[in-house]
Amino acid sequence: MSRKGKRRKPMAEINVVPYIDVTLVLLIIFMITTPLLQTGVDVNLPNAEAKTVEPKNDPPIIISVNKQGEFFIDLGDQKEKPVQEDEILNKVSAVMRNKPETPVFIRGDEAVDYGKVVTIMAALKNAGVPNVGLMTKPKQ
């Protein structure tokens, strides 16, 4: 009966077990997801059997790479002009500043080195292009 009359003292400790459990779960999640992260240029690659792109009001910017690895740029109203890699960055960034919704496509010859296409995609990413389309021929 002496227990009924006494008040229980409040506990002055913090229970940290739930915090440790949450920390361990987060640690395991980060350990699993970190190797799955990919680095590189973000590009929306089209499928070979993709639908045709609907034309918009603004003509697209088309960058072509021929068999010899030379670059050409078509800014819509102008015909394709041969350019150097560093000129592509300047011309595309100028267009993207004025019209940020302008679509950008890369048309690469099938015999061209893959590194050339990746170089152009990286330059376009640095120019502020959010998405790059790769032009393909439809399957027959």
Protein backbone atom coordinates (compact mmCIF):
# COMPACT_ATOMS: atom_id res chain seq x y z
CA MET A 1 0.00 0.00 0.00
CA SER A 2 2.87 2.28 0.38
CA ARG A 3 3.28 2.30 -3.41
CA LYS A 4 -0.13 3.79 -4.05
CA GLY A 5 0.61 6.92 -2.17
CA LYS A 6 3.96 7.63 -3.84
CA ARG A 7 4.17 9.43 -7.13
CA ARG A 8 6.29 8.03 -9.87
CA LYS A 9 9.39 10.05 -10.66
CA PRO A 10 9.74 11.23 -14.27
CA MET A 11 12.49 9.57 -16.24
CA ALA A 12 15.25 12.00 -17.20
CA GLU A 13 16.74 9.84 -20.00
CA ILE A 14 15.93 10.03 -23.68
CA ASN A 15 15.15 6.76 -25.40
CA VAL A 16 17.52 6.77 -28.40
CA VAL A 17 16.77 3.28 -29.68
CA PRO A 18 14.21 4.48 -32.28
CA TYR A 19 16.68 7.07 -33.57
CA ILE A 20 19.38 4.43 -33.94
CA ASP A 21 16.96 2.21 -35.86
CA VAL A 22 16.07 5.00 -38.26
CA THR A 23 19.73 5.89 -38.74
CA LEU A 24 20.65 2.31 -39.58
CA VAL A 25 17.80 2.01 -42.07
CA LEU A 26 18.89 5.24 -43.79
CA LEU A 27 22.49 4.03 -43.86
CA ILE A 28 21.45 0.79 -45.56
CA ILE A 29 19.30 2.66 -48.09
CA PHE A 30 22.17 4.99 -49.00
CA MET A 31 24.61 2.08 -49.25
CA ILE A 32 22.31 0.32 -51.71
CA THR A 33 21.36 3.34 -53.84
CA THR A 34 24.78 4.99 -54.16
CA PRO A 35 26.22 2.45 -56.62
CA LEU A 36 23.06 2.71 -58.72
CA LEU A 37 23.50 6.44 -59.35
CA GLN A 38 24.83 7.22 -62.81
CA THR A 39 27.05 10.10 -63.72
CA GLY A 40 27.30 11.72 -67.10
CA VAL A 41 25.28 13.79 -69.48
CA ASP A 42 21.51 13.69 -69.03
CA VAL A 43 19.96 12.95 -72.39
CA ASN A 44 16.56 11.64 -73.34
CA LEU A 45 17.46 9.00 -75.89
CA PRO A 46 14.78 8.12 -78.43
CA ASN A 47 13.96 4.54 -79.36
CA ALA A 48 14.63 3.34 -82.88
CA GLU A 49 10.88 2.86 -83.38
CA ALA A 50 9.93 6.24 -81.92
CA LYS A 51 7.09 8.35 -83.17
CA THR A 52 7.88 11.39 -85.25
CA VAL A 53 8.30 14.66 -83.41
CA GLU A 54 5.53 17.17 -83.93
CA PRO A 55 6.93 20.36 -85.46
CA LYS A 56 6.63 23.46 -83.32
CA ASN A 57 6.62 27.12 -84.28
CA ASP A 58 10.34 27.47 -83.65
CA PRO A 59 12.58 25.58 -86.06
CA PRO A 60 14.89 23.13 -84.24
CA ILE A 61 18.64 23.40 -83.95
CA ILE A 62 20.19 20.43 -85.74
CA ILE A 63 23.83 19.51 -85.19
CA SER A 64 25.21 17.00 -87.67
CA VAL A 65 28.36 14.91 -87.48
CA ASN A 66 29.57 13.35 -90.73
CA LYS A 67 31.77 10.27 -91.26
CA GLN A 68 34.95 12.33 -90.98
CA GLY A 69 33.87 13.74 -87.61
CA GLU A 70 33.21 17.26 -88.86
CA PHE A 71 30.46 19.25 -87.16
CA PHE A 72 27.70 21.20 -88.93
CA ILE A 73 25.01 23.36 -87.36
CA ASP A 74 21.58 24.24 -88.75
CA LEU A 75 19.93 27.08 -86.84
CA GLY A 76 16.55 26.76 -88.55
CA ASP A 77 16.45 29.47 -91.20
CA GLN A 78 20.11 29.01 -92.13
CA LYS A 79 21.53 26.04 -93.96
CA GLU A 80 24.05 23.83 -92.24
CA LYS A 81 27.41 25.51 -91.81
CA PRO A 82 30.63 23.75 -90.81
CA VAL A 83 31.71 24.79 -87.30
CA GLN A 84 34.29 23.91 -84.69
CA GLU A 85 33.32 22.25 -81.40
CA ASP A 86 33.81 25.44 -79.35
CA GLU A 87 31.63 27.49 -81.75
CA ILE A 88 28.70 25.14 -81.17
CA LEU A 89 28.62 26.09 -77.48
CA ASN A 90 28.50 29.82 -78.26
CA LYS A 91 25.86 29.63 -81.00
CA VAL A 92 23.52 27.26 -79.18
CA SER A 93 23.74 29.14 -75.86
CA ALA A 94 22.87 32.40 -77.69
CA VAL A 95 19.76 30.79 -79.20
CA MET A 96 18.77 29.15 -75.89
CA ARG A 97 18.98 32.49 -74.06
CA ASN A 98 16.45 34.03 -76.46
CA LYS A 99 14.22 30.97 -76.98
CA PRO A 100 14.71 28.37 -74.21
CA GLU A 101 12.05 26.01 -75.63
CA THR A 102 13.92 25.52 -78.92
CA PRO A 103 14.38 21.78 -79.57
CA VAL A 104 17.92 20.55 -80.18
CA PHE A 105 18.72 17.42 -82.22
CA ILE A 106 21.93 15.59 -83.04
CA ARG A 107 22.17 13.82 -86.39
CA GLY A 108 25.23 11.58 -86.38
CA ASP A 109 26.44 9.30 -89.15
CA GLU A 110 26.37 5.64 -88.13
CA ALA A 111 30.09 5.35 -88.96
CA VAL A 112 31.11 8.26 -86.73
CA ASP A 113 33.03 7.61 -83.50
CA TYR A 114 30.75 7.51 -80.44
CA GLY A 115 33.09 9.92 -78.63
CA LYS A 116 32.26 12.70 -81.09
CA VAL A 117 28.55 12.45 -80.31
CA VAL A 118 29.22 12.41 -76.55
CA THR A 119 31.45 15.48 -76.93
CA ILE A 120 28.63 17.39 -78.62
CA MET A 121 26.08 16.26 -76.01
CA ALA A 122 28.38 17.51 -73.22
CA ALA A 123 28.87 20.84 -75.00
CA LEU A 124 25.10 21.21 -75.39
CA LYS A 125 24.59 20.45 -71.70
CA ASN A 126 27.09 23.21 -70.86
CA ALA A 127 25.20 25.57 -73.21
CA GLY A 128 22.05 25.12 -71.10
CA VAL A 129 20.13 22.67 -73.28
CA PRO A 130 17.85 20.60 -70.99
CA ASN A 131 17.05 17.82 -73.50
CA VAL A 132 18.84 16.60 -76.60
CA GLY A 133 17.16 14.44 -79.23
CA LEU A 134 19.05 11.97 -81.39
CA MET A 135 17.79 11.68 -84.95
CA THR A 136 17.40 8.18 -86.36
CA LYS A 137 16.00 6.53 -89.44
CA PRO A 138 12.80 4.55 -88.94
CA LYS A 139 13.12 0.77 -89.03
CA GLN A 140 12.11 -0.82 -92.29
